Amino acid sequence: MAETELNITKKDNGFCINNPEFFLTFSDFLVSDGIDIVENINILKGNYDFEELAEATEDFNQLEASYISHCANSINYFHNKYGDLELFTFMESDVEIEKFTEELDVANSKKGFEDGEINISHIIYINKTLSPKVLLKVYKKVVKTKSKFFQSLNLPIHIQNILNNNDFLAILANVPEDSFEEENIYEDSVDIVNNQYDDENISLESLLTSVEEAVIISCEDALTKLELNFGILDYLVSEGILIGDLVEAGLELVEGVEVTDEIKTKLEKQILKSLSDINVIALLMAAIRTEDDFTNNRIREVDVSDDPAYLYSDEVLGLAISNQIAGTKATFNFKRYDEAKPGIIYGLGPMVDDIFAGLIAGCMSKIFEE
């Protein structure tokens, strides 16, 4: 099949892909019928209801042509082409990675993590004449691929909660050349059901594999372009733990010494320093990941619903963390914090409570040796 030339228009307030030979589309766009035959695919910047978006789209296009349309907070996109497959990947994010210390960064959102959004959306054009049935299968493949990809990243829960809540997706293909001939018109509309498509001339399995691979690459590229990567402080936030909580828990068991602002400051600095240690990070993440698997019942042989006494690997990790920070003496201090579970530690899960007891015990031992 000859290559179809797409006409792409991008302005400050919108984006349009035009095909004078028409697209057959399957989409979740606000202004669409789900399955459409149109010339223009539009993304307009802003928040609109149906009627507002339809009016704004007609103003944007400045011509009388069929269209589908959607709106988004950003029309920032990049374009990839793989043979007959073209992907337009749209990105928007309210999350920024900010410096917390010289060694540590943290993800933040000016809107807060209740209202913030990260959306990675796609318009995918396949330069083939495909039926609505095939477009639906491609659509389902894209949705499933994105879901599996982002789930595999094990992102912090507060990031997962704002990811792709308002993404959009449109699958585009060519229409048969004789679609607008009289025999293919039914009640003033193109008969898309009985039209002649090239489904039998393609390998559906190969097409879906190509789509899957392209979508994964585009999602990886989008995260890179958005500069979204996450670190240990983000995983602490996902556990509901702030640095101030750890400081308070550490000071709760102080005896024989007046708790001064100087001690508080030293403890906070030591906690942040220890959180920059790759070995401490590795031990913390080992427990955080393991608890996530255990509490979600992903390991058939394990039930941690009642913090079983025979589970002691959590204590091994806690001991290892305290020892990494301040040596053997800290392992004795770990016992105190593990048993007392002061402050924030008390409400944590069976794996996570011990690792943070180890972190605090190590840091407390370290500041009092100096």
Protein backbone atom coordinates (compact mmCIF):
# COMPACT_ATOMS: atom_id res chain seq x y z
CA MET A 1 0.00 0.00 0.00
CA ALA A 2 1.23 3.50 -0.80
CA GLU A 3 2.33 5.55 2.17
CA THR A 4 -0.32 7.99 3.35
CA GLU A 5 0.98 11.49 3.99
CA LEU A 6 -0.37 12.87 7.24
CA ASN A 7 -0.71 16.62 7.67
CA ILE A 8 0.25 17.66 11.20
CA THR A 9 -0.59 21.05 12.66
CA LYS A 10 0.53 22.19 16.09
CA LYS A 11 -0.32 25.53 17.63
CA ASP A 12 -0.13 26.85 21.18
CA ASN A 13 -3.73 25.86 21.81
CA GLY A 14 -4.03 22.61 19.90
CA PHE A 15 -2.82 19.77 17.71
CA CYS A 16 -4.34 18.22 14.59
CA ILE A 17 -3.56 15.24 12.36
CA ASN A 18 -5.27 15.55 8.99
CA ASN A 19 -5.77 12.84 6.41
CA PRO A 20 -7.72 14.03 3.35
CA GLU A 21 -8.25 10.33 2.46
CA PHE A 22 -9.96 9.82 5.85
CA PHE A 23 -9.19 7.70 8.93
CA LEU A 24 -11.18 4.89 10.42
CA THR A 25 -10.79 5.46 14.16
CA PHE A 26 -11.48 3.72 17.45
CA SER A 27 -11.04 6.10 20.37
CA ASP A 28 -12.12 7.24 23.81
CA PHE A 29 -12.16 10.89 22.75
CA LEU A 30 -14.70 13.23 24.31
CA VAL A 31 -16.08 14.29 20.92
CA SER A 32 -16.43 11.01 19.03
CA ASP A 33 -18.81 8.12 18.51
CA GLY A 34 -16.21 5.56 19.53
CA ILE A 35 -15.88 4.31 15.95
CA ASP A 36 -15.65 7.11 13.39
CA ILE A 37 -14.63 7.90 9.82
CA VAL A 38 -13.04 11.37 9.92
CA GLU A 39 -10.44 13.61 8.32
CA ASN A 40 -9.10 15.29 11.46
CA ILE A 41 -7.85 14.07 14.82
CA ASN A 42 -7.71 16.95 17.30
CA ILE A 43 -6.22 17.53 20.75
CA LEU A 44 -7.04 20.93 22.24
CA LYS A 45 -5.32 22.40 25.24
CA GLY A 46 -7.64 23.15 28.15
CA ASN A 47 -10.64 21.77 29.98
CA TYR A 48 -13.90 21.61 28.03
CA ASP A 49 -17.24 19.91 28.20
CA PHE A 50 -18.61 18.24 25.05
CA GLU A 51 -20.29 21.28 23.52
CA GLU A 52 -17.43 23.64 24.38
CA LEU A 53 -14.88 21.27 22.88
CA ALA A 54 -16.88 20.80 19.67
CA GLU A 55 -17.14 24.57 19.21
CA ALA A 56 -13.46 25.13 20.05
CA THR A 57 -12.41 22.38 17.61
CA GLU A 58 -14.34 23.91 14.74
CA ASP A 59 -12.72 27.28 15.49
CA PHE A 60 -9.31 25.62 15.65
CA ASN A 61 -9.66 23.76 12.34
CA GLN A 62 -11.16 26.74 10.49
CA LEU A 63 -12.76 24.43 7.91
CA GLU A 64 -15.76 22.22 7.51
CA ALA A 65 -14.36 18.72 7.85
CA SER A 66 -15.23 15.68 9.91
CA TYR A 67 -13.27 15.24 13.13
CA ILE A 68 -12.91 13.65 16.51
CA SER A 69 -11.55 15.71 19.36
CA HIS A 70 -10.24 15.51 22.89
CA CYS A 71 -8.83 17.99 25.40
CA ALA A 72 -5.78 17.84 27.66
CA ASN A 73 -3.80 20.13 29.95
CA SER A 74 -0.76 19.79 27.70
CA ILE A 75 -0.14 19.15 24.01
CA ASN A 76 3.51 18.29 24.56
CA TYR A 77 4.20 15.23 22.41
CA PHE A 78 6.83 13.26 20.50
CA HIS A 79 6.50 11.20 17.33
CA ASN A 80 7.93 7.76 16.52
CA LYS A 81 7.58 5.83 13.28
CA TYR A 82 8.19 2.11 12.75
CA GLY A 83 7.32 1.15 9.17
CA ASP A 84 3.52 1.22 8.86
CA LEU A 85 3.15 2.16 12.54
CA GLU A 86 3.23 5.74 13.83
CA LEU A 87 2.90 6.77 17.47
CA PHE A 88 2.13 10.22 18.78
CA THR A 89 2.84 10.15 22.51
CA PHE A 90 1.40 13.00 24.59
CA MET A 91 2.83 13.80 28.02
CA GLU A 92 1.66 15.88 30.92
CA SER A 93 2.91 15.91 34.49
CA ASP A 94 2.33 18.02 37.58
CA VAL A 95 5.22 16.25 39.32
CA GLU A 96 8.73 17.67 39.53
CA ILE A 97 11.86 16.15 41.03
CA GLU A 98 13.28 18.60 43.56
CA LYS A 99 16.52 18.71 45.50
CA PHE A 100 16.05 17.72 49.16
CA THR A 101 19.71 17.55 50.11
CA GLU A 102 22.91 17.52 48.09
CA GLU A 103 22.57 13.75 47.75
CA LEU A 104 18.81 13.21 47.83
CA ASP A 105 15.92 14.26 45.58
CA VAL A 106 12.19 13.95 46.14
CA ALA A 107 9.15 14.07 43.87
CA ASN A 108 6.77 16.93 44.55
CA SER A 109 3.65 18.45 43.02
CA LYS A 110 2.50 22.03 43.41
CA LYS A 111 -1.06 20.71 43.18
CA GLY A 112 -0.40 18.11 45.86
CA PHE A 113 -0.70 14.39 45.34
CA GLU A 114 -4.48 14.51 45.70
CA ASP A 115 -4.97 16.73 42.64
CA GLY A 116 -1.74 16.23 40.68
CA GLU A 117 -1.65 14.21 37.47
CA ILE A 118 0.75 12.29 35.28
CA ASN A 119 -0.78 11.29 31.95
CA ILE A 120 0.91 9.50 29.07
CA SER A 121 -1.47 9.22 26.13
CA HIS A 122 -1.31 7.89 22.58
CA ILE A 123 -2.61 8.41 19.09
CA ILE A 124 -1.52 5.41 17.03
CA TYR A 125 -1.80 5.35 13.25
CA ILE A 126 -1.51 2.08 11.31
CA ASN A 127 -1.00 2.65 7.59
CA LYS A 128 -3.23 -0.26 6.61
CA THR A 129 -6.91 -0.75 5.78
CA LEU A 130 -8.17 -2.46 8.90
CA SER A 131 -11.63 -3.32 10.15
CA PRO A 132 -13.18 -1.98 13.36
CA LYS A 133 -12.74 -5.47 14.82
CA VAL A 134 -8.95 -5.28 14.38
CA LEU A 135 -8.84 -1.70 15.66
CA LEU A 136 -10.63 -2.84 18.81
CA LYS A 137 -8.05 -5.59 19.33
CA VAL A 138 -5.23 -3.08 18.91
CA TYR A 139 -6.95 -0.72 21.34
CA LYS A 140 -7.23 -3.47 23.96
CA LYS A 141 -3.58 -4.44 23.42
CA VAL A 142 -2.43 -0.86 24.04
CA VAL A 143 -4.49 -0.53 27.23
CA LYS A 144 -3.21 -3.86 28.55
CA THR A 145 0.40 -3.09 27.59
CA LYS A 146 0.42 0.28 29.35
CA SER A 147 -1.16 -1.19 32.47
CA LYS A 148 1.38 -4.04 32.67
CA PHE A 149 4.31 -1.74 31.93
CA PHE A 150 3.54 0.78 34.67
CA GLN A 151 2.63 -1.96 37.13
CA SER A 152 6.02 -3.58 36.50
CA LEU A 153 7.78 -0.38 37.61
CA ASN A 154 6.49 -0.75 41.20
CA LEU A 155 6.24 3.01 41.51
CA PRO A 156 5.57 4.61 44.90
CA ILE A 157 1.89 4.28 45.67
CA HIS A 158 1.21 8.04 45.73
CA ILE A 159 2.68 8.22 42.20
CA GLN A 160 0.66 5.23 41.00
CA ASN A 161 -2.50 6.88 42.31
CA ILE A 162 -2.13 9.91 40.00
CA LEU A 163 -0.84 8.06 36.94
CA ASN A 164 -2.94 7.91 33.77
CA ASN A 165 -6.23 8.84 35.41
CA ASN A 166 -7.01 11.11 32.46
CA ASP A 167 -5.00 9.64 29.59
CA PHE A 168 -6.54 9.20 26.15
CA LEU A 169 -6.13 6.77 23.28
CA ALA A 170 -7.05 6.73 19.61
CA ILE A 171 -6.26 4.01 17.08
CA LEU A 172 -6.29 5.14 13.43
CA ALA A 173 -6.24 3.19 10.17
CA ASN A 174 -7.06 3.84 6.53
CA VAL A 175 -10.51 3.43 5.03
CA PRO A 176 -11.10 1.32 1.91
CA GLU A 177 -10.77 3.31 -1.30
CA ASP A 178 -14.36 2.59 -2.36
CA SER A 179 -15.90 3.48 1.01
CA PHE A 180 -17.79 6.47 -0.34
CA GLU A 181 -19.19 4.78 -3.42
CA GLU A 182 -22.95 4.45 -3.52
CA GLU A 183 -23.07 0.72 -2.76
CA ASN A 184 -21.18 1.30 0.50
CA ILE A 185 -23.48 4.06 1.73
CA TYR A 186 -26.29 3.09 4.08
CA GLU A 187 -28.72 5.69 5.41
CA ASP A 188 -26.30 8.52 4.54
CA SER A 189 -23.43 6.83 6.36
CA VAL A 190 -20.54 4.63 5.29
CA ASP A 191 -21.27 0.95 5.93
CA ILE A 192 -18.17 0.16 8.00
CA VAL A 193 -19.41 -3.31 8.92
CA ASN A 194 -19.64 -4.79 5.42
CA ASN A 195 -16.82 -2.81 3.85
CA GLN A 196 -13.80 -4.61 2.38
CA TYR A 197 -10.73 -4.58 4.64
CA ASP A 198 -7.23 -6.06 4.44
CA ASP A 199 -7.52 -8.08 7.66
CA GLU A 200 -6.79 -11.35 5.87
CA ASN A 201 -3.59 -9.95 4.39
CA ILE A 202 -1.96 -9.13 7.70
CA SER A 203 -0.58 -11.18 10.57
CA LEU A 204 -2.61 -9.98 13.53
CA GLU A 205 -0.13 -11.53 15.96
CA SER A 206 2.80 -9.66 14.38
CA LEU A 207 0.83 -6.41 14.34
CA LEU A 208 -0.08 -6.69 18.02
CA THR A 209 3.51 -7.54 18.95
CA SER A 210 4.79 -4.51 17.04
CA VAL A 211 2.23 -2.30 18.77
CA GLU A 212 3.15 -3.69 22.18
CA GLU A 213 6.88 -3.09 21.65
CA ALA A 214 6.31 0.42 20.30
CA VAL A 215 4.05 1.39 23.21
CA ILE A 216 6.56 0.17 25.80
CA ILE A 217 9.36 2.14 24.14
CA SER A 218 7.19 5.25 24.01
CA CYS A 219 6.26 4.97 27.69
CA GLU A 220 9.93 4.57 28.65
CA ASP A 221 10.83 7.57 26.51
CA ALA A 222 8.00 9.64 28.01
CA LEU A 223 9.22 9.04 31.58
CA THR A 224 12.73 10.03 30.49
CA LYS A 225 11.54 13.19 28.73
CA LEU A 226 9.43 14.14 31.74
CA GLU A 227 12.52 13.49 33.92
CA LEU A 228 10.46 11.29 36.20
CA ASN A 229 12.52 8.91 38.31
CA PHE A 230 11.98 8.03 41.92
CA GLY A 231 14.23 7.46 44.92
CA ILE A 232 14.26 6.33 48.51
CA LEU A 233 12.54 9.44 49.87
CA ASP A 234 9.63 8.83 47.51
CA TYR A 235 9.25 5.28 48.79
CA LEU A 236 9.32 6.59 52.38
CA VAL A 237 6.49 8.97 51.48
CA SER A 238 4.58 6.06 49.96
CA GLU A 239 4.84 4.31 53.32
CA GLY A 240 3.47 7.42 55.05
CA ILE A 241 6.83 8.22 56.64
CA LEU A 242 8.38 11.69 56.84
CA ILE A 243 11.87 12.54 58.08
CA GLY A 244 10.34 14.41 61.02
CA ASP A 245 8.49 11.23 62.04
CA LEU A 246 11.77 9.31 62.18
CA VAL A 247 13.43 12.05 64.24
CA GLU A 248 10.57 12.03 66.77
CA ALA A 249 10.66 8.23 67.04
CA GLY A 250 14.42 8.29 67.58
CA LEU A 251 14.28 10.87 70.35
CA GLU A 252 11.44 9.11 72.18
CA LEU A 253 13.79 6.57 73.76
CA VAL A 254 16.56 9.01 74.71
CA GLU A 255 17.51 8.64 78.41
CA GLY A 256 19.93 10.54 80.62
CA VAL A 257 20.49 13.32 78.11
CA GLU A 258 18.49 16.49 77.53
CA VAL A 259 16.91 16.52 74.10
CA THR A 260 18.08 19.79 72.56
CA ASP A 261 17.55 21.37 69.17
CA GLU A 262 21.18 20.52 68.43
CA ILE A 263 20.51 16.81 68.99
CA LYS A 264 17.39 16.96 66.82
CA THR A 265 19.32 18.63 64.02
CA LYS A 266 22.20 16.13 64.27
CA LEU A 267 19.77 13.21 64.13
CA GLU A 268 17.96 14.59 61.09
CA LYS A 269 21.25 15.15 59.27
CA GLN A 270 22.42 11.63 60.12
CA ILE A 271 19.16 10.07 58.92
CA LEU A 272 19.48 11.90 55.60
CA LYS A 273 23.14 10.93 55.32
CA SER A 274 22.30 7.28 55.99
CA LEU A 275 19.53 7.38 53.39
CA SER A 276 22.22 8.27 50.85
CA ASP A 277 24.13 5.05 51.59
CA ILE A 278 23.55 2.55 48.76
CA ASN A 279 23.67 -0.40 51.17
CA VAL A 280 21.10 1.15 53.49
CA ILE A 281 18.91 1.90 50.45
CA ALA A 282 19.25 -1.70 49.23
CA LEU A 283 18.23 -3.13 52.62
CA LEU A 284 15.31 -0.72 53.02
CA MET A 285 14.00 -1.45 49.53
CA ALA A 286 14.38 -5.20 50.04
CA ALA A 287 12.00 -5.00 53.00
CA ILE A 288 9.60 -2.53 51.36
CA ARG A 289 9.30 -4.69 48.23
CA THR A 290 8.96 -7.89 50.26
CA GLU A 291 6.23 -6.45 52.46
CA ASP A 292 4.33 -5.31 49.38
CA ASP A 293 4.45 -8.86 48.00
CA PHE A 294 3.51 -10.43 51.34
CA THR A 295 0.62 -8.09 52.21
CA ASN A 296 -0.85 -8.47 48.72
CA ASN A 297 -0.69 -12.26 49.03
CA ARG A 298 1.58 -12.71 46.02
CA ILE A 299 3.58 -15.47 47.73
CA ARG A 300 1.33 -18.48 48.29
CA GLU A 301 3.32 -19.92 51.21
CA VAL A 302 3.39 -16.70 53.25
CA ASP A 303 0.71 -15.21 55.51
CA VAL A 304 1.84 -12.16 57.50
CA SER A 305 -1.62 -11.04 58.60
CA ASP A 306 -0.74 -11.61 62.27
CA ASP A 307 3.05 -10.86 62.16
CA PRO A 308 4.11 -14.49 62.75
CA ALA A 309 6.83 -15.10 65.34
CA TYR A 310 8.75 -17.40 62.99
CA LEU A 311 9.30 -14.51 60.56
CA TYR A 312 12.65 -13.10 61.65
CA SER A 313 14.18 -11.99 58.35
CA ASP A 314 12.75 -8.54 59.08
CA GLU A 315 14.94 -8.39 62.18
CA VAL A 316 17.93 -9.59 60.15
CA LEU A 317 17.44 -6.64 57.79
CA GLY A 318 16.96 -4.23 60.69
CA LEU A 319 20.15 -5.47 62.35
CA ALA A 320 22.02 -5.18 59.08
CA ILE A 321 20.90 -1.56 58.62
CA SER A 322 21.85 -0.52 62.13
CA ASN A 323 25.24 -2.26 61.76
CA GLN A 324 25.87 -0.61 58.38
CA ILE A 325 25.32 2.84 59.91
CA ALA A 326 27.12 2.59 63.24
CA GLY A 327 28.66 -0.86 63.70
CA THR A 328 28.10 -3.55 66.33
CA LYS A 329 27.02 -1.21 69.13
CA ALA A 330 24.04 -0.11 67.05
CA THR A 331 22.73 -3.68 66.87
CA PHE A 332 22.16 -3.59 70.65
CA ASN A 333 20.35 -0.29 70.27
CA PHE A 334 18.24 -1.88 67.53
CA LYS A 335 16.79 -4.30 70.08
CA ARG A 336 15.45 -1.40 72.15
CA TYR A 337 13.77 0.27 69.22
CA ASP A 338 12.45 -3.00 67.80
CA GLU A 339 10.76 -3.93 71.09
CA ALA A 340 9.46 -0.47 72.05
CA LYS A 341 8.39 0.54 68.51
CA PRO A 342 8.24 4.25 69.35
CA GLY A 343 6.30 6.82 67.34
CA ILE A 344 5.74 6.10 63.66
CA ILE A 345 7.33 2.63 63.92
CA TYR A 346 4.37 1.28 65.93
CA GLY A 347 1.93 1.57 63.05
CA LEU A 348 4.14 0.05 60.35
CA GLY A 349 3.84 -3.42 58.84
CA PRO A 350 5.69 -6.54 59.98
CA MET A 351 8.64 -6.16 57.59
CA VAL A 352 8.87 -2.39 57.49
CA ASP A 353 8.75 -1.67 61.23
CA ASP A 354 12.05 -3.47 61.86
CA ILE A 355 13.97 -1.80 59.05
CA PHE A 356 13.05 1.66 60.29
CA ALA A 357 13.84 0.60 63.84
CA GLY A 358 17.26 -0.38 62.48
CA LEU A 359 17.64 2.93 60.64
CA ILE A 360 16.78 4.98 63.73
CA ALA A 361 18.88 2.81 66.06
CA GLY A 362 21.90 3.13 63.80
CA CYS A 363 21.52 6.89 63.45
CA MET A 364 21.02 7.40 67.20
CA SER A 365 24.11 5.35 67.96
CA LYS A 366 26.09 7.29 65.38
CA ILE A 367 25.28 10.78 66.66
CA PHE A 368 26.12 9.87 70.26
CA GLU A 369 29.49 8.43 69.33
CA GLU A 370 30.59 11.76 67.83
